[in-house]
Amino acid sequence: MDKNLSWDDFTKVDMRVGTVVEVRDFPKALRPAYQLELDFGNDIGVLKTSAQVTKRYQKEDLLGMQLIAVVNFPKKQIANFMSECLIIGVVGEDNDVSLLSPSLKTKNGLRVG
């Protein structure tokens, strides 16, 4: 199986910058997680996601952070919660996730490319 992506494959992945505007505990998740809401600007709006990032981040650390997320995956039911996007991070040992973020503040909704 060829694991190389074509340029066309890459352009199908819609990654955008969004700012975390809400963070809640997610006690019904199987593994420790938060429920996040991210603002992707006027064109996309606010989307929800579940994030297993409790080892490295406290809720107050996440609030206001700009993160990179894939916004064109189908919605996914996680326990009693509907995830609408997927935030991107580097996964280390024992599911220790370091989230990807722009190095400078930028406009919500800008595309990563």
PDB file of N, CA and C in Angstrom:
ATOM      1  N   MET A   1       0.838  -1.184   0.000  1.00  0.00           N
ATOM      2  CA  MET A   1       0.000   0.000   0.000  1.00  0.00           C
ATOM      3  C   MET A   1       0.885   1.250   0.000  1.00  0.00           C
ATOM      4  N   ASP A   2       0.598   2.163  -0.889  1.00  0.00           N
ATOM      5  CA  ASP A   2       1.361   3.406  -1.009  1.00  0.00           C
ATOM      6  C   ASP A   2       0.866   4.400   0.034  1.00  0.00           C
ATOM      7  N   LYS A   3       1.746   4.810   0.940  1.00  0.00           N
ATOM      8  CA  LYS A   3       1.365   5.748   1.995  1.00  0.00           C
ATOM      9  C   LYS A   3       1.627   7.194   1.626  1.00  0.00           C
ATOM     10  N   ASN A   4       2.189   7.433   0.451  1.00  0.00           N
ATOM     11  CA  ASN A   4       2.453   8.802   0.030  1.00  0.00           C
ATOM     12  C   ASN A   4       1.152   9.487  -0.377  1.00  0.00           C
ATOM     13  N   LEU A   5       1.004  10.740   0.043  1.00  0.00           N
ATOM     14  CA  LEU A   5      -0.154  11.542  -0.337  1.00  0.00           C
ATOM     15  C   LEU A   5       0.148  12.302  -1.618  1.00  0.00           C
ATOM     16  N   SER A   6      -0.854  12.492  -2.391  1.00  0.00           N
ATOM     17  CA  SER A   6      -0.713  13.398  -3.530  1.00  0.00           C
ATOM     18  C   SER A   6      -1.046  14.805  -3.033  1.00  0.00           C
ATOM     19  N   TRP A   7      -0.690  15.801  -3.816  1.00  0.00           N
ATOM     20  CA  TRP A   7      -1.043  17.178  -3.448  1.00  0.00           C
ATOM     21  C   TRP A   7      -2.553  17.303  -3.328  1.00  0.00           C
ATOM     22  N   ASP A   8      -3.287  16.639  -4.219  1.00  0.00           N
ATOM     23  CA  ASP A   8      -4.749  16.666  -4.181  1.00  0.00           C
ATOM     24  C   ASP A   8      -5.277  16.084  -2.875  1.00  0.00           C
ATOM     25  N   ASP A   9      -4.656  14.991  -2.396  1.00  0.00           N
ATOM     26  CA  ASP A   9      -5.049  14.410  -1.103  1.00  0.00           C
ATOM     27  C   ASP A   9      -4.876  15.432   0.016  1.00  0.00           C
ATOM     28  N   PHE A  10      -3.722  16.102   0.029  1.00  0.00           N
ATOM     29  CA  PHE A  10      -3.435  17.072   1.087  1.00  0.00           C
ATOM     30  C   PHE A  10      -4.438  18.224   1.080  1.00  0.00           C
ATOM     31  N   THR A  11      -4.803  18.701  -0.092  1.00  0.00           N
ATOM     32  CA  THR A  11      -5.715  19.848  -0.158  1.00  0.00           C
ATOM     33  C   THR A  11      -7.127  19.496   0.310  1.00  0.00           C
ATOM     34  N   LYS A  12      -7.447  18.219   0.410  1.00  0.00           N
ATOM     35  CA  LYS A  12      -8.765  17.807   0.929  1.00  0.00           C
ATOM     36  C   LYS A  12      -8.860  17.961   2.438  1.00  0.00           C
ATOM     37  N   VAL A  13      -7.714  17.967   3.122  1.00  0.00           N
ATOM     38  CA  VAL A  13      -7.696  18.102   4.580  1.00  0.00           C
ATOM     39  C   VAL A  13      -7.784  19.591   4.909  1.00  0.00           C
ATOM     40  N   ASP A  14      -8.903  19.996   5.501  1.00  0.00           N
ATOM     41  CA  ASP A  14      -9.146  21.410   5.804  1.00  0.00           C
ATOM     42  C   ASP A  14      -8.744  21.701   7.247  1.00  0.00           C
ATOM     43  N   MET A  15      -7.499  22.173   7.424  1.00  0.00           N
ATOM     44  CA  MET A  15      -6.989  22.524   8.751  1.00  0.00           C
ATOM     45  C   MET A  15      -7.084  24.033   8.922  1.00  0.00           C
ATOM     46  N   ARG A  16      -7.639  24.447  10.043  1.00  0.00           N
ATOM     47  CA  ARG A  16      -7.853  25.872  10.315  1.00  0.00           C
ATOM     48  C   ARG A  16      -7.365  26.231  11.712  1.00  0.00           C
ATOM     49  N   VAL A  17      -7.167  27.517  11.920  1.00  0.00           N
ATOM     50  CA  VAL A  17      -6.820  28.066  13.233  1.00  0.00           C
ATOM     51  C   VAL A  17      -8.104  28.458  13.944  1.00  0.00           C
ATOM     52  N   GLY A  18      -8.224  28.016  15.194  1.00  0.00           N
ATOM     53  CA  GLY A  18      -9.376  28.397  16.010  1.00  0.00           C
ATOM     54  C   GLY A  18      -8.942  28.728  17.422  1.00  0.00           C
ATOM     55  N   THR A  19      -9.713  29.572  18.090  1.00  0.00           N
ATOM     56  CA  THR A  19      -9.418  29.962  19.468  1.00  0.00           C
ATOM     57  C   THR A  19     -10.374  29.250  20.410  1.00  0.00           C
ATOM     58  N   VAL A  20      -9.827  28.650  21.466  1.00  0.00           N
ATOM     59  CA  VAL A  20     -10.636  27.953  22.468  1.00  0.00           C
ATOM     60  C   VAL A  20     -11.436  28.992  23.253  1.00  0.00           C
ATOM     61  N   VAL A  21     -12.766  28.886  23.197  1.00  0.00           N
ATOM     62  CA  VAL A  21     -13.638  29.841  23.884  1.00  0.00           C
ATOM     63  C   VAL A  21     -14.390  29.203  25.056  1.00  0.00           C
ATOM     64  N   GLU A  22     -14.350  27.873  25.159  1.00  0.00           N
ATOM     65  CA  GLU A  22     -15.038  27.170  26.256  1.00  0.00           C
ATOM     66  C   GLU A  22     -14.306  25.860  26.518  1.00  0.00           C
ATOM     67  N   VAL A  23     -14.121  25.537  27.805  1.00  0.00           N
ATOM     68  CA  VAL A  23     -13.501  24.271  28.213  1.00  0.00           C
ATOM     69  C   VAL A  23     -14.313  23.707  29.369  1.00  0.00           C
ATOM     70  N   ARG A  24     -14.718  22.438  29.232  1.00  0.00           N
ATOM     71  CA  ARG A  24     -15.474  21.766  30.293  1.00  0.00           C
ATOM     72  C   ARG A  24     -14.877  20.384  30.548  1.00  0.00           C
ATOM     73  N   ASP A  25     -15.027  19.898  31.782  1.00  0.00           N
ATOM     74  CA  ASP A  25     -14.674  18.513  32.076  1.00  0.00           C
ATOM     75  C   ASP A  25     -15.604  17.604  31.282  1.00  0.00           C
ATOM     76  N   PHE A  26     -15.135  16.385  31.002  1.00  0.00           N
ATOM     77  CA  PHE A  26     -15.917  15.415  30.240  1.00  0.00           C
ATOM     78  C   PHE A  26     -15.924  14.096  31.020  1.00  0.00           C
ATOM     79  N   PRO A  27     -16.707  14.035  32.101  1.00  0.00           N
ATOM     80  CA  PRO A  27     -16.678  12.853  32.972  1.00  0.00           C
ATOM     81  C   PRO A  27     -17.179  11.570  32.308  1.00  0.00           C
ATOM     82  N   LYS A  28     -17.975  11.654  31.253  1.00  0.00           N
ATOM     83  CA  LYS A  28     -18.496  10.442  30.609  1.00  0.00           C
ATOM     84  C   LYS A  28     -17.535   9.844  29.583  1.00  0.00           C
ATOM     85  N   ALA A  29     -16.425  10.511  29.294  1.00  0.00           N
ATOM     86  CA  ALA A  29     -15.427   9.966  28.369  1.00  0.00           C
ATOM     87  C   ALA A  29     -14.757   8.752  29.010  1.00  0.00           C
ATOM     88  N   LEU A  30     -14.395   7.766  28.183  1.00  0.00           N
ATOM     89  CA  LEU A  30     -13.738   6.563  28.695  1.00  0.00           C
ATOM     90  C   LEU A  30     -12.362   6.861  29.267  1.00  0.00           C
ATOM     91  N   ARG A  31     -11.615   7.778  28.618  1.00  0.00           N
ATOM     92  CA  ARG A  31     -10.312   8.228  29.113  1.00  0.00           C
ATOM     93  C   ARG A  31     -10.427   9.701  29.484  1.00  0.00           C
ATOM     94  N   PRO A  32      -9.634  10.178  30.445  1.00  0.00           N
ATOM     95  CA  PRO A  32      -9.748  11.588  30.854  1.00  0.00           C
ATOM     96  C   PRO A  32      -9.681  12.537  29.652  1.00  0.00           C
ATOM     97  N   ALA A  33     -10.645  13.459  29.591  1.00  0.00           N
ATOM     98  CA  ALA A  33     -10.745  14.374  28.451  1.00  0.00           C
ATOM     99  C   ALA A  33     -11.485  15.640  28.851  1.00  0.00           C
ATOM    100  N   TYR A  34     -11.354  16.637  27.990  1.00  0.00           N
ATOM    101  CA  TYR A  34     -12.132  17.873  28.101  1.00  0.00           C
ATOM    102  C   TYR A  34     -13.051  17.985  26.892  1.00  0.00           C
ATOM    103  N   GLN A  35     -14.116  18.747  27.060  1.00  0.00           N
ATOM    104  CA  GLN A  35     -14.942  19.188  25.941  1.00  0.00           C
ATOM    105  C   GLN A  35     -14.524  20.622  25.640  1.00  0.00           C
ATOM    106  N   LEU A  36     -14.154  20.876  24.388  1.00  0.00           N
ATOM    107  CA  LEU A  36     -13.713  22.210  23.985  1.00  0.00           C
ATOM    108  C   LEU A  36     -14.655  22.781  22.939  1.00  0.00           C
ATOM    109  N   GLU A  37     -14.783  24.096  22.953  1.00  0.00           N
ATOM    110  CA  GLU A  37     -15.438  24.820  21.868  1.00  0.00           C
ATOM    111  C   GLU A  37     -14.401  25.777  21.306  1.00  0.00           C
ATOM    112  N   LEU A  38     -14.249  25.753  19.965  1.00  0.00           N
ATOM    113  CA  LEU A  38     -13.282  26.610  19.288  1.00  0.00           C
ATOM    114  C   LEU A  38     -13.992  27.520  18.317  1.00  0.00           C
ATOM    115  N   ASP A  39     -13.593  28.783  18.307  1.00  0.00           N
ATOM    116  CA  ASP A  39     -14.139  29.775  17.383  1.00  0.00           C
ATOM    117  C   ASP A  39     -13.241  29.834  16.156  1.00  0.00           C
ATOM    118  N   PHE A  40     -13.809  29.473  14.980  1.00  0.00           N
ATOM    119  CA  PHE A  40     -13.074  29.485  13.728  1.00  0.00           C
ATOM    120  C   PHE A  40     -13.455  30.674  12.851  1.00  0.00           C
ATOM    121  N   GLY A  41     -14.059  31.693  13.431  1.00  0.00           N
ATOM    122  CA  GLY A  41     -14.395  32.895  12.666  1.00  0.00           C
ATOM    123  C   GLY A  41     -15.750  32.785  11.985  1.00  0.00           C
ATOM    124  N   ASN A  42     -16.069  33.844  11.241  1.00  0.00           N
ATOM    125  CA  ASN A  42     -17.410  33.988  10.655  1.00  0.00           C
ATOM    126  C   ASN A  42     -17.781  32.895   9.665  1.00  0.00           C
ATOM    127  N   ASP A  43     -16.840  32.430   8.853  1.00  0.00           N
ATOM    128  CA  ASP A  43     -17.178  31.462   7.813  1.00  0.00           C
ATOM    129  C   ASP A  43     -17.529  30.085   8.369  1.00  0.00           C
ATOM    130  N   ILE A  44     -16.876  29.681   9.461  1.00  0.00           N
ATOM    131  CA  ILE A  44     -17.082  28.344  10.028  1.00  0.00           C
ATOM    132  C   ILE A  44     -17.861  28.402  11.332  1.00  0.00           C
ATOM    133  N   GLY A  45     -17.584  29.388  12.157  1.00  0.00           N
ATOM    134  CA  GLY A  45     -18.270  29.528  13.437  1.00  0.00           C
ATOM    135  C   GLY A  45     -17.587  28.745  14.542  1.00  0.00           C
ATOM    136  N   VAL A  46     -18.353  28.395  15.573  1.00  0.00           N
ATOM    137  CA  VAL A  46     -17.843  27.686  16.739  1.00  0.00           C
ATOM    138  C   VAL A  46     -18.117  26.190  16.563  1.00  0.00           C
ATOM    139  N   LEU A  47     -17.062  25.382  16.729  1.00  0.00           N
ATOM    140  CA  LEU A  47     -17.181  23.924  16.642  1.00  0.00           C
ATOM    141  C   LEU A  47     -16.728  23.307  17.953  1.00  0.00           C
ATOM    142  N   LYS A  48     -17.293  22.129  18.258  1.00  0.00           N
ATOM    143  CA  LYS A  48     -16.979  21.406  19.496  1.00  0.00           C
ATOM    144  C   LYS A  48     -16.071  20.215  19.194  1.00  0.00           C
ATOM    145  N   THR A  49     -15.257  19.869  20.195  1.00  0.00           N
ATOM    146  CA  THR A  49     -14.434  18.671  20.096  1.00  0.00           C
ATOM    147  C   THR A  49     -14.150  18.126  21.486  1.00  0.00           C
ATOM    148  N   SER A  50     -13.812  16.855  21.523  1.00  0.00           N
ATOM    149  CA  SER A  50     -13.359  16.208  22.747  1.00  0.00           C
ATOM    150  C   SER A  50     -11.850  16.052  22.637  1.00  0.00           C
ATOM    151  N   ALA A  51     -11.137  16.328  23.727  1.00  0.00           N
ATOM    152  CA  ALA A  51      -9.674  16.291  23.669  1.00  0.00           C
ATOM    153  C   ALA A  51      -9.098  15.587  24.891  1.00  0.00           C
ATOM    154  N   GLN A  52      -8.305  14.546  24.640  1.00  0.00           N
ATOM    155  CA  GLN A  52      -7.635  13.818  25.717  1.00  0.00           C
ATOM    156  C   GLN A  52      -6.287  14.481  25.992  1.00  0.00           C
ATOM    157  N   VAL A  53      -6.337  15.665  26.578  1.00  0.00           N
ATOM    158  CA  VAL A  53      -5.127  16.457  26.811  1.00  0.00           C
ATOM    159  C   VAL A  53      -4.966  16.833  28.285  1.00  0.00           C
ATOM    160  N   THR A  54      -5.581  16.051  29.171  1.00  0.00           N
ATOM    161  CA  THR A  54      -5.589  16.408  30.592  1.00  0.00           C
ATOM    162  C   THR A  54      -4.249  16.198  31.284  1.00  0.00           C
ATOM    163  N   LYS A  55      -3.337  15.421  30.691  1.00  0.00           N
ATOM    164  CA  LYS A  55      -2.025  15.197  31.322  1.00  0.00           C
ATOM    165  C   LYS A  55      -1.161  16.450  31.283  1.00  0.00           C
ATOM    166  N   ARG A  56      -1.267  17.216  30.214  1.00  0.00           N
ATOM    167  CA  ARG A  56      -0.381  18.356  30.007  1.00  0.00           C
ATOM    168  C   ARG A  56      -1.080  19.705  30.235  1.00  0.00           C
ATOM    169  N   TYR A  57      -2.403  19.764  30.092  1.00  0.00           N
ATOM    170  CA  TYR A  57      -3.114  21.041  30.107  1.00  0.00           C
ATOM    171  C   TYR A  57      -4.212  21.064  31.171  1.00  0.00           C
ATOM    172  N   GLN A  58      -4.289  22.188  31.855  1.00  0.00           N
ATOM    173  CA  GLN A  58      -5.421  22.472  32.740  1.00  0.00           C
ATOM    174  C   GLN A  58      -6.447  23.261  31.931  1.00  0.00           C
ATOM    175  N   LYS A  59      -7.685  23.278  32.390  1.00  0.00           N
ATOM    176  CA  LYS A  59      -8.736  23.999  31.649  1.00  0.00           C
ATOM    177  C   LYS A  59      -8.365  25.462  31.435  1.00  0.00           C
ATOM    178  N   GLU A  60      -7.824  26.098  32.456  1.00  0.00           N
ATOM    179  CA  GLU A  60      -7.493  27.523  32.341  1.00  0.00           C
ATOM    180  C   GLU A  60      -6.332  27.760  31.373  1.00  0.00           C
ATOM    181  N   ASP A  61      -5.460  26.751  31.174  1.00  0.00           N
ATOM    182  CA  ASP A  61      -4.374  26.872  30.192  1.00  0.00           C
ATOM    183  C   ASP A  61      -4.928  26.905  28.772  1.00  0.00           C
ATOM    184  N   LEU A  62      -5.974  26.143  28.520  1.00  0.00           N
ATOM    185  CA  LEU A  62      -6.531  26.001  27.175  1.00  0.00           C
ATOM    186  C   LEU A  62      -7.384  27.192  26.754  1.00  0.00           C
ATOM    187  N   LEU A  63      -8.080  27.793  27.695  1.00  0.00           N
ATOM    188  CA  LEU A  63      -8.978  28.902  27.382  1.00  0.00           C
ATOM    189  C   LEU A  63      -8.199  30.041  26.741  1.00  0.00           C
ATOM    190  N   GLY A  64      -8.582  30.430  25.537  1.00  0.00           N
ATOM    191  CA  GLY A  64      -7.927  31.510  24.812  1.00  0.00           C
ATOM    192  C   GLY A  64      -6.798  31.056  23.901  1.00  0.00           C
ATOM    193  N   MET A  65      -6.396  29.781  23.987  1.00  0.00           N
ATOM    194  CA  MET A  65      -5.327  29.283  23.106  1.00  0.00           C
ATOM    195  C   MET A  65      -5.818  29.187  21.671  1.00  0.00           C
ATOM    196  N   GLN A  66      -4.946  29.487  20.752  1.00  0.00           N
ATOM    197  CA  GLN A  66      -5.232  29.243  19.343  1.00  0.00           C
ATOM    198  C   GLN A  66      -4.651  27.883  18.990  1.00  0.00           C
ATOM    199  N   LEU A  67      -5.466  27.039  18.370  1.00  0.00           N
ATOM    200  CA  LEU A  67      -5.070  25.678  18.029  1.00  0.00           C
ATOM    201  C   LEU A  67      -5.335  25.406  16.561  1.00  0.00           C
ATOM    202  N   ILE A  68      -4.678  24.376  16.058  1.00  0.00           N
ATOM    203  CA  ILE A  68      -4.899  23.903  14.696  1.00  0.00           C
ATOM    204  C   ILE A  68      -5.862  22.717  14.777  1.00  0.00           C
ATOM    205  N   ALA A  69      -6.864  22.718  13.897  1.00  0.00           N
ATOM    206  CA  ALA A  69      -7.838  21.621  13.894  1.00  0.00           C
ATOM    207  C   ALA A  69      -8.264  21.294  12.470  1.00  0.00           C
ATOM    208  N   VAL A  70      -8.594  20.028  12.264  1.00  0.00           N
ATOM    209  CA  VAL A  70      -9.210  19.596  11.015  1.00  0.00           C
ATOM    210  C   VAL A  70     -10.712  19.831  11.176  1.00  0.00           C
ATOM    211  N   VAL A  71     -11.284  20.597  10.243  1.00  0.00           N
ATOM    212  CA  VAL A  71     -12.690  20.982  10.382  1.00  0.00           C
ATOM    213  C   VAL A  71     -13.614  20.284   9.389  1.00  0.00           C
ATOM    214  N   ASN A  72     -13.073  19.392   8.556  1.00  0.00           N
ATOM    215  CA  ASN A  72     -13.953  18.755   7.570  1.00  0.00           C
ATOM    216  C   ASN A  72     -14.050  17.237   7.728  1.00  0.00           C
ATOM    217  N   PHE A  73     -13.823  16.730   8.945  1.00  0.00           N
ATOM    218  CA  PHE A  73     -14.159  15.345   9.248  1.00  0.00           C
ATOM    219  C   PHE A  73     -15.654  15.247   9.511  1.00  0.00           C
ATOM    220  N   PRO A  74     -16.241  14.071   9.307  1.00  0.00           N
ATOM    221  CA  PRO A  74     -17.649  13.911   9.715  1.00  0.00           C
ATOM    222  C   PRO A  74     -17.756  14.030  11.235  1.00  0.00           C
ATOM    223  N   LYS A  75     -18.911  14.456  11.726  1.00  0.00           N
ATOM    224  CA  LYS A  75     -19.134  14.527  13.170  1.00  0.00           C
ATOM    225  C   LYS A  75     -19.009  13.127  13.763  1.00  0.00           C
ATOM    226  N   LYS A  76     -18.552  13.069  15.037  1.00  0.00           N
ATOM    227  CA  LYS A  76     -18.347  11.784  15.702  1.00  0.00           C
ATOM    228  C   LYS A  76     -18.945  11.820  17.094  1.00  0.00           C
ATOM    229  N   GLN A  77     -19.772  10.829  17.395  1.00  0.00           N
ATOM    230  CA  GLN A  77     -20.383  10.711  18.727  1.00  0.00           C
ATOM    231  C   GLN A  77     -19.362  10.118  19.687  1.00  0.00           C
ATOM    232  N   ILE A  78     -19.116  10.829  20.791  1.00  0.00           N
ATOM    233  CA  ILE A  78     -18.225  10.351  21.846  1.00  0.00           C
ATOM    234  C   ILE A  78     -19.016  10.432  23.149  1.00  0.00           C
ATOM    235  N   ALA A  79     -19.420   9.271  23.658  1.00  0.00           N
ATOM    236  CA  ALA A  79     -20.327   9.194  24.815  1.00  0.00           C
ATOM    237  C   ALA A  79     -21.586  10.005  24.480  1.00  0.00           C
ATOM    238  N   ASN A  80     -21.897  10.996  25.293  1.00  0.00           N
ATOM    239  CA  ASN A  80     -23.102  11.812  25.069  1.00  0.00           C
ATOM    240  C   ASN A  80     -22.782  13.136  24.362  1.00  0.00           C
ATOM    241  N   PHE A  81     -21.665  13.196  23.664  1.00  0.00           N
ATOM    242  CA  PHE A  81     -21.145  14.440  23.094  1.00  0.00           C
ATOM    243  C   PHE A  81     -20.866  14.247  21.607  1.00  0.00           C
ATOM    244  N   MET A  82     -21.183  15.255  20.791  1.00  0.00           N
ATOM    245  CA  MET A  82     -20.928  15.200  19.360  1.00  0.00           C
ATOM    246  C   MET A  82     -19.704  16.052  19.026  1.00  0.00           C
ATOM    247  N   SER A  83     -18.619  15.399  18.598  1.00  0.00           N
ATOM    248  CA  SER A  83     -17.399  16.095  18.215  1.00  0.00           C
ATOM    249  C   SER A  83     -17.513  16.547  16.765  1.00  0.00           C
ATOM    250  N   GLU A  84     -17.176  17.819  16.497  1.00  0.00           N
ATOM    251  CA  GLU A  84     -17.360  18.415  15.172  1.00  0.00           C
ATOM    252  C   GLU A  84     -16.044  18.743  14.464  1.00  0.00           C
ATOM    253  N   CYS A  85     -14.915  18.625  15.160  1.00  0.00           N
ATOM    254  CA  CYS A  85     -13.609  18.881  14.556  1.00  0.00           C
ATOM    255  C   CYS A  85     -12.575  18.077  15.321  1.00  0.00           C
ATOM    256  N   LEU A  86     -11.335  18.064  14.826  1.00  0.00           N
ATOM    257  CA  LEU A  86     -10.260  17.314  15.467  1.00  0.00           C
ATOM    258  C   LEU A  86      -9.061  18.224  15.650  1.00  0.00           C
ATOM    259  N   ILE A  87      -8.737  18.539  16.922  1.00  0.00           N
ATOM    260  CA  ILE A  87      -7.547  19.344  17.160  1.00  0.00           C
ATOM    261  C   ILE A  87      -6.319  18.477  16.935  1.00  0.00           C
ATOM    262  N   ILE A  88      -5.216  19.103  16.515  1.00  0.00           N
ATOM    263  CA  ILE A  88      -4.006  18.394  16.124  1.00  0.00           C
ATOM    264  C   ILE A  88      -2.942  18.550  17.200  1.00  0.00           C
ATOM    265  N   GLY A  89      -2.271  17.447  17.513  1.00  0.00           N
ATOM    266  CA  GLY A  89      -1.204  17.486  18.493  1.00  0.00           C
ATOM    267  C   GLY A  89      -0.188  16.398  18.249  1.00  0.00           C
ATOM    268  N   VAL A  90       0.924  16.509  18.951  1.00  0.00           N
ATOM    269  CA  VAL A  90       1.978  15.508  18.907  1.00  0.00           C
ATOM    270  C   VAL A  90       1.740  14.556  20.073  1.00  0.00           C
ATOM    271  N   VAL A  91       1.629  13.259  19.770  1.00  0.00           N
ATOM    272  CA  VAL A  91       1.306  12.270  20.804  1.00  0.00           C
ATOM    273  C   VAL A  91       2.594  11.605  21.271  1.00  0.00           C
ATOM    274  N   GLY A  92       2.885  11.792  22.558  1.00  0.00           N
ATOM    275  CA  GLY A  92       4.064  11.180  23.157  1.00  0.00           C
ATOM    276  C   GLY A  92       3.704   9.922  23.920  1.00  0.00           C
ATOM    277  N   GLU A  93       4.623   9.507  24.774  1.00  0.00           N
ATOM    278  CA  GLU A  93       4.408   8.307  25.579  1.00  0.00           C
ATOM    279  C   GLU A  93       3.179   8.453  26.458  1.00  0.00           C
ATOM    280  N   ASP A  94       2.482   7.352  26.661  1.00  0.00           N
ATOM    281  CA  ASP A  94       1.302   7.307  27.524  1.00  0.00           C
ATOM    282  C   ASP A  94       0.243   8.344  27.143  1.00  0.00           C
ATOM    283  N   ASN A  95       0.093   8.574  25.831  1.00  0.00           N
ATOM    284  CA  ASN A  95      -0.921   9.505  25.315  1.00  0.00           C
ATOM    285  C   ASN A  95      -0.733  10.925  25.846  1.00  0.00           C
ATOM    286  N   ASP A  96       0.510  11.339  26.056  1.00  0.00           N
ATOM    287  CA  ASP A  96       0.832  12.699  26.492  1.00  0.00           C
ATOM    288  C   ASP A  96       0.870  13.590  25.242  1.00  0.00           C
ATOM    289  N   VAL A  97      -0.159  14.420  25.068  1.00  0.00           N
ATOM    290  CA  VAL A  97      -0.345  15.195  23.848  1.00  0.00           C
ATOM    291  C   VAL A  97       0.130  16.632  24.033  1.00  0.00           C
ATOM    292  N   SER A  98       0.923  17.107  23.069  1.00  0.00           N
ATOM    293  CA  SER A  98       1.330  18.506  22.998  1.00  0.00           C
ATOM    294  C   SER A  98       0.615  19.112  21.787  1.00  0.00           C
ATOM    295  N   LEU A  99      -0.254  20.070  22.017  1.00  0.00           N
ATOM    296  CA  LEU A  99      -1.103  20.619  20.960  1.00  0.00           C
ATOM    297  C   LEU A  99      -0.331  21.529  20.005  1.00  0.00           C
ATOM    298  N   LEU A 100      -0.733  21.508  18.734  1.00  0.00           N
ATOM    299  CA  LEU A 100      -0.128  22.383  17.734  1.00  0.00           C
ATOM    300  C   LEU A 100      -0.856  23.714  17.712  1.00  0.00           C
ATOM    301  N   SER A 101      -0.068  24.764  17.676  1.00  0.00           N
ATOM    302  CA  SER A 101      -0.604  26.118  17.769  1.00  0.00           C
ATOM    303  C   SER A 101       0.247  27.038  16.900  1.00  0.00           C
ATOM    304  N   PRO A 102      -0.350  28.077  16.298  1.00  0.00           N
ATOM    305  CA  PRO A 102       0.485  29.018  15.549  1.00  0.00           C
ATOM    306  C   PRO A 102       1.446  29.733  16.501  1.00  0.00           C
ATOM    307  N   SER A 103       2.632  30.048  15.993  1.00  0.00           N
ATOM    308  CA  SER A 103       3.632  30.700  16.837  1.00  0.00           C
ATOM    309  C   SER A 103       3.288  32.169  17.101  1.00  0.00           C
ATOM    310  N   LEU A 104       2.451  32.760  16.264  1.00  0.00           N
ATOM    311  CA  LEU A 104       1.997  34.136  16.442  1.00  0.00           C
ATOM    312  C   LEU A 104       0.474  34.161  16.407  1.00  0.00           C
ATOM    313  N   LYS A 105      -0.134  35.109  17.113  1.00  0.00           N
ATOM    314  CA  LYS A 105      -1.586  35.248  17.085  1.00  0.00           C
ATOM    315  C   LYS A 105      -2.022  35.535  15.654  1.00  0.00           C
ATOM    316  N   THR A 106      -3.092  34.875  15.240  1.00  0.00           N
ATOM    317  CA  THR A 106      -3.559  35.017  13.871  1.00  0.00           C
ATOM    318  C   THR A 106      -5.080  35.075  13.848  1.00  0.00           C
ATOM    319  N   LYS A 107      -5.635  35.347  12.706  1.00  0.00           N
ATOM    320  CA  LYS A 107      -7.086  35.465  12.551  1.00  0.00           C
ATOM    321  C   LYS A 107      -7.721  34.080  12.594  1.00  0.00           C
ATOM    322  N   ASN A 108      -8.780  33.940  13.393  1.00  0.00           N
ATOM    323  CA  ASN A 108      -9.510  32.683  13.450  1.00  0.00           C
ATOM    324  C   ASN A 108     -10.043  32.303  12.078  1.00  0.00           C
ATOM    325  N   GLY A 109      -9.908  31.017  11.749  1.00  0.00           N
ATOM    326  CA  GLY A 109     -10.438  30.511  10.497  1.00  0.00           C
ATOM    327  C   GLY A 109      -9.432  30.455   9.369  1.00  0.00           C
ATOM    328  N   LEU A 110      -8.246  31.045   9.550  1.00  0.00           N
ATOM    329  CA  LEU A 110      -7.254  30.963   8.472  1.00  0.00           C
ATOM    330  C   LEU A 110      -6.860  29.512   8.240  1.00  0.00           C
ATOM    331  N   ARG A 111      -6.667  29.166   6.979  1.00  0.00           N
ATOM    332  CA  ARG A 111      -6.356  27.800   6.588  1.00  0.00           C
ATOM    333  C   ARG A 111      -4.870  27.511   6.735  1.00  0.00           C
ATOM    334  N   VAL A 112      -4.562  26.305   7.189  1.00  0.00           N
ATOM    335  CA  VAL A 112      -3.188  25.825   7.267  1.00  0.00           C
ATOM    336  C   VAL A 112      -2.864  25.184   5.924  1.00  0.00           C
ATOM    337  N   GLY A 113      -1.727  25.533   5.353  1.00  0.00           N
ATOM    338  CA  GLY A 113      -1.393  24.963   4.057  1.00  0.00           C
ATOM    339  C   GLY A 113       0.084  25.006   3.783  1.00  0.00           C
TER     340      GLY A 113
END
